[in-house]
């Protein structure tokens, strides 16, 4: 029966992404609000709890997310900056994702160095 729960998680995640895309066709600001809500993080914590992980593990997960939000913001800075400078969407997206990946690597190193991980 576990596969039913896993299929439900996948379906709900897909539904959220689909909803944000549909809303973006009508109102980009509202879509941005929906996309900025940490729905995936909230669902992940709910699923972690449902699957028996401790409150301490979930708390550690939430704390790690806080530190990793910083490099994730790089993508939302780099993409519009490059598009405004004449880059096409996909190269700008690639550069934004690359910057974010490098940012994650650097932030994880900093977190480990200073004992910021859960």
PDB file of N, CA and C in Angstrom:
ATOM      1  N   UNK A   1       0.804  -1.192   0.000  1.00  0.00           N
ATOM      2  CA  UNK A   1       0.000   0.000   0.000  1.00  0.00           C
ATOM      3  C   UNK A   1       0.855   1.267   0.000  1.00  0.00           C
ATOM      4  N   UNK A   2       2.129   1.150   0.316  1.00  0.00           N
ATOM      5  CA  UNK A   2       3.017   2.307   0.345  1.00  0.00           C
ATOM      6  C   UNK A   2       3.071   2.991  -1.013  1.00  0.00           C
ATOM      7  N   UNK A   3       2.988   2.245  -2.085  1.00  0.00           N
ATOM      8  CA  UNK A   3       3.061   2.835  -3.414  1.00  0.00           C
ATOM      9  C   UNK A   3       1.890   3.785  -3.668  1.00  0.00           C
ATOM     10  N   UNK A   4       0.746   3.546  -3.041  1.00  0.00           N
ATOM     11  CA  UNK A   4      -0.408   4.433  -3.196  1.00  0.00           C
ATOM     12  C   UNK A   4      -0.087   5.793  -2.568  1.00  0.00           C
ATOM     13  N   UNK A   5       0.516   5.768  -1.394  1.00  0.00           N
ATOM     14  CA  UNK A   5       0.899   7.013  -0.727  1.00  0.00           C
ATOM     15  C   UNK A   5       1.945   7.753  -1.557  1.00  0.00           C
ATOM     16  N   UNK A   6       2.939   7.027  -2.077  1.00  0.00           N
ATOM     17  CA  UNK A   6       3.964   7.651  -2.912  1.00  0.00           C
ATOM     18  C   UNK A   6       3.352   8.242  -4.186  1.00  0.00           C
ATOM     19  N   UNK A   7       2.439   7.529  -4.791  1.00  0.00           N
ATOM     20  CA  UNK A   7       1.758   8.043  -5.984  1.00  0.00           C
ATOM     21  C   UNK A   7       0.954   9.299  -5.644  1.00  0.00           C
ATOM     22  N   UNK A   8       0.338   9.316  -4.485  1.00  0.00           N
ATOM     23  CA  UNK A   8      -0.393  10.497  -4.039  1.00  0.00           C
ATOM     24  C   UNK A   8       0.523  11.700  -3.862  1.00  0.00           C
ATOM     25  N   UNK A   9       1.712  11.472  -3.297  1.00  0.00           N
ATOM     26  CA  UNK A   9       2.679  12.556  -3.126  1.00  0.00           C
ATOM     27  C   UNK A   9       3.086  13.121  -4.484  1.00  0.00           C
ATOM     28  N   UNK A  10       3.359  12.228  -5.425  1.00  0.00           N
ATOM     29  CA  UNK A  10       3.752  12.663  -6.773  1.00  0.00           C
ATOM     30  C   UNK A  10       2.607  13.434  -7.434  1.00  0.00           C
ATOM     31  N   UNK A  11       1.399  12.922  -7.319  1.00  0.00           N
ATOM     32  CA  UNK A  11       0.239  13.578  -7.918  1.00  0.00           C
ATOM     33  C   UNK A  11      -0.009  14.960  -7.337  1.00  0.00           C
ATOM     34  N   UNK A  12       0.088  15.087  -6.028  1.00  0.00           N
ATOM     35  CA  UNK A  12      -0.133  16.377  -5.373  1.00  0.00           C
ATOM     36  C   UNK A  12       0.929  17.387  -5.792  1.00  0.00           C
ATOM     37  N   UNK A  13       2.176  16.950  -5.854  1.00  0.00           N
ATOM     38  CA  UNK A  13       3.269  17.829  -6.274  1.00  0.00           C
ATOM     39  C   UNK A  13       3.046  18.311  -7.709  1.00  0.00           C
ATOM     40  N   UNK A  14       2.677  17.391  -8.593  1.00  0.00           N
ATOM     41  CA  UNK A  14       2.404  17.762  -9.985  1.00  0.00           C
ATOM     42  C   UNK A  14       1.228  18.726 -10.071  1.00  0.00           C
ATOM     43  N   UNK A  15       0.208  18.508  -9.268  1.00  0.00           N
ATOM     44  CA  UNK A  15      -0.970  19.373  -9.263  1.00  0.00           C
ATOM     45  C   UNK A  15      -0.611  20.799  -8.829  1.00  0.00           C
ATOM     46  N   UNK A  16       0.253  20.927  -7.848  1.00  0.00           N
ATOM     47  CA  UNK A  16       0.679  22.250  -7.381  1.00  0.00           C
ATOM     48  C   UNK A  16       1.425  22.984  -8.490  1.00  0.00           C
ATOM     49  N   UNK A  17       2.350  22.298  -9.144  1.00  0.00           N
ATOM     50  CA  UNK A  17       3.104  22.926 -10.237  1.00  0.00           C
ATOM     51  C   UNK A  17       2.161  23.323 -11.367  1.00  0.00           C
ATOM     52  N   UNK A  18       1.248  22.443 -11.726  1.00  0.00           N
ATOM     53  CA  UNK A  18       0.272  22.733 -12.772  1.00  0.00           C
ATOM     54  C   UNK A  18      -0.572  23.953 -12.406  1.00  0.00           C
ATOM     55  N   UNK A  19      -0.999  24.043 -11.159  1.00  0.00           N
ATOM     56  CA  UNK A  19      -1.825  25.165 -10.717  1.00  0.00           C
ATOM     57  C   UNK A  19      -1.072  26.484 -10.824  1.00  0.00           C
ATOM     58  N   UNK A  20       0.185  26.494 -10.429  1.00  0.00           N
ATOM     59  CA  UNK A  20       0.981  27.725 -10.508  1.00  0.00           C
ATOM     60  C   UNK A  20       1.123  28.160 -11.970  1.00  0.00           C
ATOM     61  N   UNK A  21       1.382  27.209 -12.865  1.00  0.00           N
ATOM     62  CA  UNK A  21       1.513  27.543 -14.293  1.00  0.00           C
ATOM     63  C   UNK A  21       0.200  28.094 -14.837  1.00  0.00           C
ATOM     64  N   UNK A  22      -0.911  27.485 -14.471  1.00  0.00           N
ATOM     65  CA  UNK A  22      -2.211  27.957 -14.949  1.00  0.00           C
ATOM     66  C   UNK A  22      -2.515  29.359 -14.432  1.00  0.00           C
ATOM     67  N   UNK A  23      -2.233  29.602 -13.170  1.00  0.00           N
ATOM     68  CA  UNK A  23      -2.465  30.922 -12.594  1.00  0.00           C
ATOM     69  C   UNK A  23      -1.563  31.956 -13.268  1.00  0.00           C
ATOM     70  N   UNK A  24      -0.340  31.574 -13.608  1.00  0.00           N
ATOM     71  CA  UNK A  24       0.611  32.521 -14.212  1.00  0.00           C
ATOM     72  C   UNK A  24       0.128  33.038 -15.561  1.00  0.00           C
ATOM     73  N   UNK A  25      -0.728  32.269 -16.229  1.00  0.00           N
ATOM     74  CA  UNK A  25      -1.267  32.723 -17.511  1.00  0.00           C
ATOM     75  C   UNK A  25      -2.243  33.883 -17.322  1.00  0.00           C
ATOM     76  N   UNK A  26      -2.794  34.019 -16.129  1.00  0.00           N
ATOM     77  CA  UNK A  26      -3.771  35.066 -15.850  1.00  0.00           C
ATOM     78  C   UNK A  26      -3.207  36.195 -14.995  1.00  0.00           C
ATOM     79  N   UNK A  27      -2.318  35.835 -14.055  1.00  0.00           N
ATOM     80  CA  UNK A  27      -1.822  36.830 -13.115  1.00  0.00           C
ATOM     81  C   UNK A  27      -0.447  36.392 -12.621  1.00  0.00           C
ATOM     82  N   UNK A  28       0.608  37.011 -13.158  1.00  0.00           N
ATOM     83  CA  UNK A  28       1.966  36.579 -12.792  1.00  0.00           C
ATOM     84  C   UNK A  28       2.301  36.894 -11.340  1.00  0.00           C
ATOM     85  N   UNK A  29       1.756  37.981 -10.805  1.00  0.00           N
ATOM     86  CA  UNK A  29       2.041  38.307  -9.403  1.00  0.00           C
ATOM     87  C   UNK A  29       1.440  37.256  -8.468  1.00  0.00           C
ATOM     88  N   UNK A  30       0.208  36.873  -8.722  1.00  0.00           N
ATOM     89  CA  UNK A  30      -0.417  35.833  -7.893  1.00  0.00           C
ATOM     90  C   UNK A  30       0.335  34.509  -8.034  1.00  0.00           C
ATOM     91  N   UNK A  31       0.745  34.189  -9.254  1.00  0.00           N
ATOM     92  CA  UNK A  31       1.529  32.960  -9.465  1.00  0.00           C
ATOM     93  C   UNK A  31       2.847  33.030  -8.704  1.00  0.00           C
ATOM     94  N   UNK A  32       3.471  34.206  -8.684  1.00  0.00           N
ATOM     95  CA  UNK A  32       4.727  34.371  -7.948  1.00  0.00           C
ATOM     96  C   UNK A  32       4.501  34.183  -6.451  1.00  0.00           C
ATOM     97  N   UNK A  33       3.389  34.697  -5.958  1.00  0.00           N
ATOM     98  CA  UNK A  33       3.064  34.503  -4.533  1.00  0.00           C
ATOM     99  C   UNK A  33       2.913  33.014  -4.245  1.00  0.00           C
ATOM    100  N   UNK A  34       2.150  32.317  -5.081  1.00  0.00           N
ATOM    101  CA  UNK A  34       1.954  30.874  -4.875  1.00  0.00           C
ATOM    102  C   UNK A  34       3.266  30.116  -4.973  1.00  0.00           C
ATOM    103  N   UNK A  35       4.104  30.489  -5.929  1.00  0.00           N
ATOM    104  CA  UNK A  35       5.378  29.800  -6.101  1.00  0.00           C
ATOM    105  C   UNK A  35       6.345  30.100  -4.962  1.00  0.00           C
ATOM    106  N   UNK A  36       6.212  31.278  -4.351  1.00  0.00           N
ATOM    107  CA  UNK A  36       7.141  31.640  -3.290  1.00  0.00           C
ATOM    108  C   UNK A  36       6.788  31.002  -1.950  1.00  0.00           C
ATOM    109  N   UNK A  37       5.549  30.571  -1.802  1.00  0.00           N
ATOM    110  CA  UNK A  37       5.163  29.877  -0.570  1.00  0.00           C
ATOM    111  C   UNK A  37       5.916  28.547  -0.546  1.00  0.00           C
ATOM    112  N   UNK A  38       6.522  28.217   0.565  1.00  0.00           N
ATOM    113  CA  UNK A  38       7.332  26.991   0.608  1.00  0.00           C
ATOM    114  C   UNK A  38       6.477  25.716   0.666  1.00  0.00           C
ATOM    115  N   UNK A  39       5.609  25.561  -0.333  1.00  0.00           N
ATOM    116  CA  UNK A  39       4.680  24.427  -0.358  1.00  0.00           C
ATOM    117  C   UNK A  39       5.435  23.095  -0.339  1.00  0.00           C
ATOM    118  N   UNK A  40       6.476  23.006  -1.145  1.00  0.00           N
ATOM    119  CA  UNK A  40       7.227  21.747  -1.211  1.00  0.00           C
ATOM    120  C   UNK A  40       7.854  21.433   0.149  1.00  0.00           C
ATOM    121  N   UNK A  41       8.397  22.454   0.800  1.00  0.00           N
ATOM    122  CA  UNK A  41       9.013  22.238   2.112  1.00  0.00           C
ATOM    123  C   UNK A  41       7.971  21.815   3.145  1.00  0.00           C
ATOM    124  N   UNK A  42       6.823  22.468   3.128  1.00  0.00           N
ATOM    125  CA  UNK A  42       5.756  22.120   4.072  1.00  0.00           C
ATOM    126  C   UNK A  42       5.285  20.689   3.827  1.00  0.00           C
ATOM    127  N   UNK A  43       5.050  20.345   2.563  1.00  0.00           N
ATOM    128  CA  UNK A  43       4.621  18.979   2.247  1.00  0.00           C
ATOM    129  C   UNK A  43       5.689  17.966   2.647  1.00  0.00           C
ATOM    130  N   UNK A  44       6.941  18.287   2.376  1.00  0.00           N
ATOM    131  CA  UNK A  44       8.020  17.365   2.746  1.00  0.00           C
ATOM    132  C   UNK A  44       8.043  17.128   4.250  1.00  0.00           C
ATOM    133  N   UNK A  45       7.865  18.190   5.033  1.00  0.00           N
ATOM    134  CA  UNK A  45       7.853  18.027   6.495  1.00  0.00           C
ATOM    135  C   UNK A  45       6.643  17.222   6.949  1.00  0.00           C
ATOM    136  N   UNK A  46       5.501  17.441   6.294  1.00  0.00           N
ATOM    137  CA  UNK A  46       4.312  16.647   6.637  1.00  0.00           C
ATOM    138  C   UNK A  46       4.556  15.169   6.324  1.00  0.00           C
ATOM    139  N   UNK A  47       5.152  14.899   5.163  1.00  0.00           N
ATOM    140  CA  UNK A  47       5.424  13.507   4.789  1.00  0.00           C
ATOM    141  C   UNK A  47       6.476  12.892   5.705  1.00  0.00           C
ATOM    142  N   UNK A  48       7.483  13.693   6.097  1.00  0.00           N
ATOM    143  CA  UNK A  48       8.489  13.196   7.040  1.00  0.00           C
ATOM    144  C   UNK A  48       7.814  12.794   8.350  1.00  0.00           C
ATOM    145  N   UNK A  49       6.917  13.639   8.841  1.00  0.00           N
ATOM    146  CA  UNK A  49       6.197  13.352  10.077  1.00  0.00           C
ATOM    147  C   UNK A  49       5.338  12.103   9.915  1.00  0.00           C
ATOM    148  N   UNK A  50       4.630  12.026   8.796  1.00  0.00           N
ATOM    149  CA  UNK A  50       3.761  10.876   8.538  1.00  0.00           C
ATOM    150  C   UNK A  50       4.560   9.571   8.489  1.00  0.00           C
ATOM    151  N   UNK A  51       5.776   9.657   7.985  1.00  0.00           N
ATOM    152  CA  UNK A  51       6.612   8.459   7.851  1.00  0.00           C
ATOM    153  C   UNK A  51       7.424   8.166   9.112  1.00  0.00           C
ATOM    154  N   UNK A  52       7.159   8.933  10.191  1.00  0.00           N
ATOM    155  CA  UNK A  52       7.739   8.587  11.484  1.00  0.00           C
ATOM    156  C   UNK A  52       9.043   9.262  11.849  1.00  0.00           C
ATOM    157  N   UNK A  53       9.484  10.254  11.085  1.00  0.00           N
ATOM    158  CA  UNK A  53      10.704  10.947  11.474  1.00  0.00           C
ATOM    159  C   UNK A  53      10.413  11.813  12.698  1.00  0.00           C
ATOM    160  N   UNK A  54      11.426  11.981  13.506  1.00  0.00           N
ATOM    161  CA  UNK A  54      11.250  12.711  14.770  1.00  0.00           C
ATOM    162  C   UNK A  54      11.102  14.210  14.532  1.00  0.00           C
ATOM    163  N   UNK A  55      10.570  14.884  15.525  1.00  0.00           N
ATOM    164  CA  UNK A  55      10.435  16.338  15.467  1.00  0.00           C
ATOM    165  C   UNK A  55      11.808  16.992  15.339  1.00  0.00           C
ATOM    166  N   UNK A  56      12.817  16.404  15.974  1.00  0.00           N
ATOM    167  CA  UNK A  56      14.170  16.942  15.888  1.00  0.00           C
ATOM    168  C   UNK A  56      14.712  16.851  14.463  1.00  0.00           C
ATOM    169  N   UNK A  57      14.439  15.740  13.778  1.00  0.00           N
ATOM    170  CA  UNK A  57      14.880  15.584  12.387  1.00  0.00           C
ATOM    171  C   UNK A  57      14.176  16.597  11.479  1.00  0.00           C
ATOM    172  N   UNK A  58      12.904  16.789  11.717  1.00  0.00           N
ATOM    173  CA  UNK A  58      12.137  17.747  10.919  1.00  0.00           C
ATOM    174  C   UNK A  58      12.627  19.163  11.202  1.00  0.00           C
ATOM    175  N   UNK A  59      12.919  19.455  12.442  1.00  0.00           N
ATOM    176  CA  UNK A  59      13.454  20.768  12.807  1.00  0.00           C
ATOM    177  C   UNK A  59      14.796  21.007  12.122  1.00  0.00           C
ATOM    178  N   UNK A  60      15.652  20.003  12.122  1.00  0.00           N
ATOM    179  CA  UNK A  60      16.949  20.118  11.447  1.00  0.00           C
ATOM    180  C   UNK A  60      16.787  20.357   9.954  1.00  0.00           C
ATOM    181  N   UNK A  61      15.828  19.671   9.359  1.00  0.00           N
ATOM    182  CA  UNK A  61      15.522  19.851   7.936  1.00  0.00           C
ATOM    183  C   UNK A  61      15.116  21.305   7.677  1.00  0.00           C
ATOM    184  N   UNK A  62      14.242  21.849   8.524  1.00  0.00           N
ATOM    185  CA  UNK A  62      13.780  23.229   8.368  1.00  0.00           C
ATOM    186  C   UNK A  62      14.937  24.218   8.522  1.00  0.00           C
ATOM    187  N   UNK A  63      15.822  23.969   9.489  1.00  0.00           N
ATOM    188  CA  UNK A  63      16.972  24.854   9.689  1.00  0.00           C
ATOM    189  C   UNK A  63      17.917  24.812   8.495  1.00  0.00           C
ATOM    190  N   UNK A  64      18.132  23.629   7.933  1.00  0.00           N
ATOM    191  CA  UNK A  64      18.989  23.517   6.745  1.00  0.00           C
ATOM    192  C   UNK A  64      18.383  24.282   5.567  1.00  0.00           C
ATOM    193  N   UNK A  65      17.069  24.240   5.439  1.00  0.00           N
ATOM    194  CA  UNK A  65      16.397  24.972   4.365  1.00  0.00           C
ATOM    195  C   UNK A  65      16.670  26.468   4.490  1.00  0.00           C
ATOM    196  N   UNK A  66      16.624  26.984   5.708  1.00  0.00           N
ATOM    197  CA  UNK A  66      16.861  28.418   5.908  1.00  0.00           C
ATOM    198  C   UNK A  66      18.213  28.823   5.326  1.00  0.00           C
ATOM    199  N   UNK A  67      19.249  28.062   5.634  1.00  0.00           N
ATOM    200  CA  UNK A  67      20.577  28.407   5.133  1.00  0.00           C
ATOM    201  C   UNK A  67      20.669  28.250   3.619  1.00  0.00           C
ATOM    202  N   UNK A  68      19.949  27.292   3.057  1.00  0.00           N
ATOM    203  CA  UNK A  68      20.037  27.057   1.617  1.00  0.00           C
ATOM    204  C   UNK A  68      19.135  27.983   0.805  1.00  0.00           C
ATOM    205  N   UNK A  69      18.284  28.742   1.474  1.00  0.00           N
ATOM    206  CA  UNK A  69      17.497  29.752   0.762  1.00  0.00           C
ATOM    207  C   UNK A  69      18.402  30.836   0.180  1.00  0.00           C
ATOM    208  N   UNK A  70      19.464  31.136   0.869  1.00  0.00           N
ATOM    209  CA  UNK A  70      20.366  32.212   0.432  1.00  0.00           C
ATOM    210  C   UNK A  70      20.905  31.932  -0.976  1.00  0.00           C
ATOM    211  N   UNK A  71      21.532  30.777  -1.228  1.00  0.00           N
ATOM    212  CA  UNK A  71      22.011  30.561  -2.604  1.00  0.00           C
ATOM    213  C   UNK A  71      20.882  30.350  -3.610  1.00  0.00           C
ATOM    214  N   UNK A  72      19.725  29.893  -3.161  1.00  0.00           N
ATOM    215  CA  UNK A  72      18.628  29.706  -4.116  1.00  0.00           C
ATOM    216  C   UNK A  72      18.140  31.049  -4.654  1.00  0.00           C
ATOM    217  N   UNK A  73      18.326  32.110  -3.902  1.00  0.00           N
ATOM    218  CA  UNK A  73      17.932  33.444  -4.361  1.00  0.00           C
ATOM    219  C   UNK A  73      18.784  33.915  -5.529  1.00  0.00           C
ATOM    220  N   UNK A  74      19.987  33.369  -5.666  1.00  0.00           N
ATOM    221  CA  UNK A  74      20.861  33.763  -6.771  1.00  0.00           C
ATOM    222  C   UNK A  74      20.182  33.575  -8.128  1.00  0.00           C
ATOM    223  N   UNK A  75      19.451  32.496  -8.292  1.00  0.00           N
ATOM    224  CA  UNK A  75      18.788  32.233  -9.564  1.00  0.00           C
ATOM    225  C   UNK A  75      17.802  33.344  -9.901  1.00  0.00           C
ATOM    226  N   UNK A  76      17.069  33.830  -8.901  1.00  0.00           N
ATOM    227  CA  UNK A  76      16.054  34.843  -9.126  1.00  0.00           C
ATOM    228  C   UNK A  76      16.657  36.237  -9.305  1.00  0.00           C
ATOM    229  N   UNK A  77      17.933  36.366  -9.032  1.00  0.00           N
ATOM    230  CA  UNK A  77      18.656  37.605  -9.311  1.00  0.00           C
ATOM    231  C   UNK A  77      19.305  37.524 -10.685  1.00  0.00           C
ATOM    232  N   UNK A  78      19.959  36.404 -10.973  1.00  0.00           N
ATOM    233  CA  UNK A  78      20.722  36.251 -12.210  1.00  0.00           C
ATOM    234  C   UNK A  78      19.822  36.193 -13.447  1.00  0.00           C
ATOM    235  N   UNK A  79      18.755  35.413 -13.409  1.00  0.00           N
ATOM    236  CA  UNK A  79      17.913  35.244 -14.603  1.00  0.00           C
ATOM    237  C   UNK A  79      17.343  36.575 -15.100  1.00  0.00           C
ATOM    238  N   UNK A  80      16.643  37.358 -14.261  1.00  0.00           N
ATOM    239  CA  UNK A  80      16.114  38.615 -14.794  1.00  0.00           C
ATOM    240  C   UNK A  80      17.211  39.584 -15.233  1.00  0.00           C
ATOM    241  N   UNK A  81      18.320  39.591 -14.509  1.00  0.00           N
ATOM    242  CA  UNK A  81      19.430  40.472 -14.866  1.00  0.00           C
ATOM    243  C   UNK A  81      19.942  40.146 -16.266  1.00  0.00           C
ATOM    244  N   UNK A  82      20.137  38.865 -16.557  1.00  0.00           N
ATOM    245  CA  UNK A  82      20.646  38.465 -17.868  1.00  0.00           C
ATOM    246  C   UNK A  82      19.619  38.693 -18.975  1.00  0.00           C
ATOM    247  N   UNK A  83      18.356  38.404 -18.701  1.00  0.00           N
ATOM    248  CA  UNK A  83      17.315  38.636 -19.709  1.00  0.00           C
ATOM    249  C   UNK A  83      17.222  40.126 -20.036  1.00  0.00           C
ATOM    250  N   UNK A  84      17.300  40.972 -19.016  1.00  0.00           N
ATOM    251  CA  UNK A  84      17.267  42.420 -19.241  1.00  0.00           C
ATOM    252  C   UNK A  84      18.470  42.903 -20.043  1.00  0.00           C
ATOM    253  N   UNK A  85      19.546  42.134 -20.017  1.00  0.00           N
ATOM    254  CA  UNK A  85      20.748  42.490 -20.788  1.00  0.00           C
ATOM    255  C   UNK A  85      20.765  41.818 -22.164  1.00  0.00           C
ATOM    256  N   UNK A  86      19.633  41.218 -22.549  1.00  0.00           N
ATOM    257  CA  UNK A  86      19.518  40.694 -23.902  1.00  0.00           C
ATOM    258  C   UNK A  86      19.718  39.201 -24.072  1.00  0.00           C
ATOM    259  N   UNK A  87      19.944  38.472 -22.990  1.00  0.00           N
ATOM    260  CA  UNK A  87      20.107  37.025 -23.101  1.00  0.00           C
ATOM    261  C   UNK A  87      18.756  36.391 -23.427  1.00  0.00           C
ATOM    262  N   UNK A  88      18.789  35.309 -24.178  1.00  0.00           N
ATOM    263  CA  UNK A  88      17.582  34.505 -24.378  1.00  0.00           C
ATOM    264  C   UNK A  88      17.266  33.757 -23.089  1.00  0.00           C
ATOM    265  N   UNK A  89      16.014  33.277 -22.985  1.00  0.00           N
ATOM    266  CA  UNK A  89      15.564  32.651 -21.748  1.00  0.00           C
ATOM    267  C   UNK A  89      16.406  31.447 -21.335  1.00  0.00           C
ATOM    268  N   UNK A  90      16.590  30.469 -22.223  1.00  0.00           N
ATOM    269  CA  UNK A  90      17.272  29.237 -21.811  1.00  0.00           C
ATOM    270  C   UNK A  90      18.735  29.436 -21.413  1.00  0.00           C
ATOM    271  N   UNK A  91      19.506  30.235 -22.137  1.00  0.00           N
ATOM    272  CA  UNK A  91      20.866  30.511 -21.624  1.00  0.00           C
ATOM    273  C   UNK A  91      20.849  31.218 -20.269  1.00  0.00           C
ATOM    274  N   UNK A  92      19.894  32.160 -20.083  1.00  0.00           N
ATOM    275  CA  UNK A  92      19.787  32.847 -18.791  1.00  0.00           C
ATOM    276  C   UNK A  92      19.394  31.857 -17.696  1.00  0.00           C
ATOM    277  N   UNK A  93      18.465  30.962 -18.011  1.00  0.00           N
ATOM    278  CA  UNK A  93      18.066  29.928 -17.057  1.00  0.00           C
ATOM    279  C   UNK A  93      19.255  29.041 -16.704  1.00  0.00           C
ATOM    280  N   UNK A  94      20.005  28.621 -17.710  1.00  0.00           N
ATOM    281  CA  UNK A  94      21.190  27.788 -17.459  1.00  0.00           C
ATOM    282  C   UNK A  94      22.205  28.492 -16.578  1.00  0.00           C
ATOM    283  N   UNK A  95      22.431  29.775 -16.851  1.00  0.00           N
ATOM    284  CA  UNK A  95      23.376  30.539 -16.032  1.00  0.00           C
ATOM    285  C   UNK A  95      22.846  30.704 -14.610  1.00  0.00           C
ATOM    286  N   UNK A  96      21.537  30.948 -14.486  1.00  0.00           N
ATOM    287  CA  UNK A  96      20.942  31.077 -13.157  1.00  0.00           C
ATOM    288  C   UNK A  96      21.036  29.788 -12.362  1.00  0.00           C
ATOM    289  N   UNK A  97      20.723  28.678 -13.018  1.00  0.00           N
ATOM    290  CA  UNK A  97      20.821  27.378 -12.340  1.00  0.00           C
ATOM    291  C   UNK A  97      22.266  27.058 -11.971  1.00  0.00           C
ATOM    292  N   UNK A  98      23.193  27.343 -12.880  1.00  0.00           N
ATOM    293  CA  UNK A  98      24.615  27.094 -12.594  1.00  0.00           C
ATOM    294  C   UNK A  98      25.087  27.918 -11.410  1.00  0.00           C
ATOM    295  N   UNK A  99      24.682  29.181 -11.382  1.00  0.00           N
ATOM    296  CA  UNK A  99      25.048  30.055 -10.269  1.00  0.00           C
ATOM    297  C   UNK A  99      24.488  29.513  -8.954  1.00  0.00           C
ATOM    298  N   UNK A 100      23.253  29.045  -9.013  1.00  0.00           N
ATOM    299  CA  UNK A 100      22.619  28.504  -7.810  1.00  0.00           C
ATOM    300  C   UNK A 100      23.329  27.237  -7.335  1.00  0.00           C
ATOM    301  N   UNK A 101      23.671  26.367  -8.252  1.00  0.00           N
ATOM    302  CA  UNK A 101      24.379  25.132  -7.892  1.00  0.00           C
ATOM    303  C   UNK A 101      25.715  25.455  -7.239  1.00  0.00           C
ATOM    304  N   UNK A 102      26.448  26.394  -7.821  1.00  0.00           N
ATOM    305  CA  UNK A 102      27.723  26.816  -7.228  1.00  0.00           C
ATOM    306  C   UNK A 102      27.472  27.426  -5.842  1.00  0.00           C
ATOM    307  N   UNK A 103      26.403  28.232  -5.749  1.00  0.00           N
ATOM    308  CA  UNK A 103      26.043  28.823  -4.455  1.00  0.00           C
ATOM    309  C   UNK A 103      25.726  27.772  -3.407  1.00  0.00           C
ATOM    310  N   UNK A 104      24.998  26.713  -3.815  1.00  0.00           N
ATOM    311  CA  UNK A 104      24.702  25.620  -2.882  1.00  0.00           C
ATOM    312  C   UNK A 104      25.998  24.973  -2.404  1.00  0.00           C
ATOM    313  N   UNK A 105      26.899  24.695  -3.333  1.00  0.00           N
ATOM    314  CA  UNK A 105      28.166  24.063  -2.965  1.00  0.00           C
ATOM    315  C   UNK A 105      28.920  24.928  -1.952  1.00  0.00           C
ATOM    316  N   UNK A 106      29.013  26.215  -2.235  1.00  0.00           N
ATOM    317  CA  UNK A 106      29.725  27.132  -1.333  1.00  0.00           C
ATOM    318  C   UNK A 106      29.023  27.195   0.024  1.00  0.00           C
ATOM    319  N   UNK A 107      27.694  27.314   0.007  1.00  0.00           N
ATOM    320  CA  UNK A 107      26.957  27.422   1.274  1.00  0.00           C
ATOM    321  C   UNK A 107      27.090  26.140   2.100  1.00  0.00           C
ATOM    322  N   UNK A 108      27.045  24.991   1.473  1.00  0.00           N
ATOM    323  CA  UNK A 108      27.208  23.727   2.206  1.00  0.00           C
ATOM    324  C   UNK A 108      28.587  23.670   2.848  1.00  0.00           C
ATOM    325  N   UNK A 109      29.605  24.140   2.137  1.00  0.00           N
ATOM    326  CA  UNK A 109      30.952  24.182   2.714  1.00  0.00           C
ATOM    327  C   UNK A 109      30.979  25.098   3.935  1.00  0.00           C
ATOM    328  N   UNK A 110      30.331  26.250   3.821  1.00  0.00           N
ATOM    329  CA  UNK A 110      30.272  27.203   4.943  1.00  0.00           C
ATOM    330  C   UNK A 110      29.504  26.595   6.114  1.00  0.00           C
ATOM    331  N   UNK A 111      28.373  25.947   5.817  1.00  0.00           N
ATOM    332  CA  UNK A 111      27.567  25.326   6.873  1.00  0.00           C
ATOM    333  C   UNK A 111      28.372  24.273   7.620  1.00  0.00           C
ATOM    334  N   UNK A 112      29.108  23.449   6.870  1.00  0.00           N
ATOM    335  CA  UNK A 112      29.910  22.399   7.514  1.00  0.00           C
ATOM    336  C   UNK A 112      31.060  23.000   8.318  1.00  0.00           C
ATOM    337  N   UNK A 113      31.688  24.018   7.771  1.00  0.00           N
ATOM    338  CA  UNK A 113      32.826  24.655   8.450  1.00  0.00           C
ATOM    339  C   UNK A 113      32.419  25.274   9.787  1.00  0.00           C
ATOM    340  N   UNK A 114      31.250  25.896   9.825  1.00  0.00           N
ATOM    341  CA  UNK A 114      30.801  26.593  11.017  1.00  0.00           C
ATOM    342  C   UNK A 114      29.774  25.821  11.831  1.00  0.00           C
ATOM    343  N   UNK A 115      29.557  24.561  11.485  1.00  0.00           N
ATOM    344  CA  UNK A 115      28.639  23.720  12.259  1.00  0.00           C
ATOM    345  C   UNK A 115      27.194  24.159  12.190  1.00  0.00           C
ATOM    346  N   UNK A 116      26.762  24.648  11.031  1.00  0.00           N
ATOM    347  CA  UNK A 116      25.399  25.138  10.876  1.00  0.00           C
ATOM    348  C   UNK A 116      24.424  24.065  10.411  1.00  0.00           C
ATOM    349  N   UNK A 117      24.919  22.877  10.123  1.00  0.00           N
ATOM    350  CA  UNK A 117      24.018  21.812   9.672  1.00  0.00           C
ATOM    351  C   UNK A 117      23.397  21.122  10.864  1.00  0.00           C
ATOM    352  N   UNK A 118      22.244  20.547  10.610  1.00  0.00           N
ATOM    353  CA  UNK A 118      21.504  19.862  11.683  1.00  0.00           C
ATOM    354  C   UNK A 118      22.172  18.563  12.060  1.00  0.00           C
TER     355      UNK A 118
END
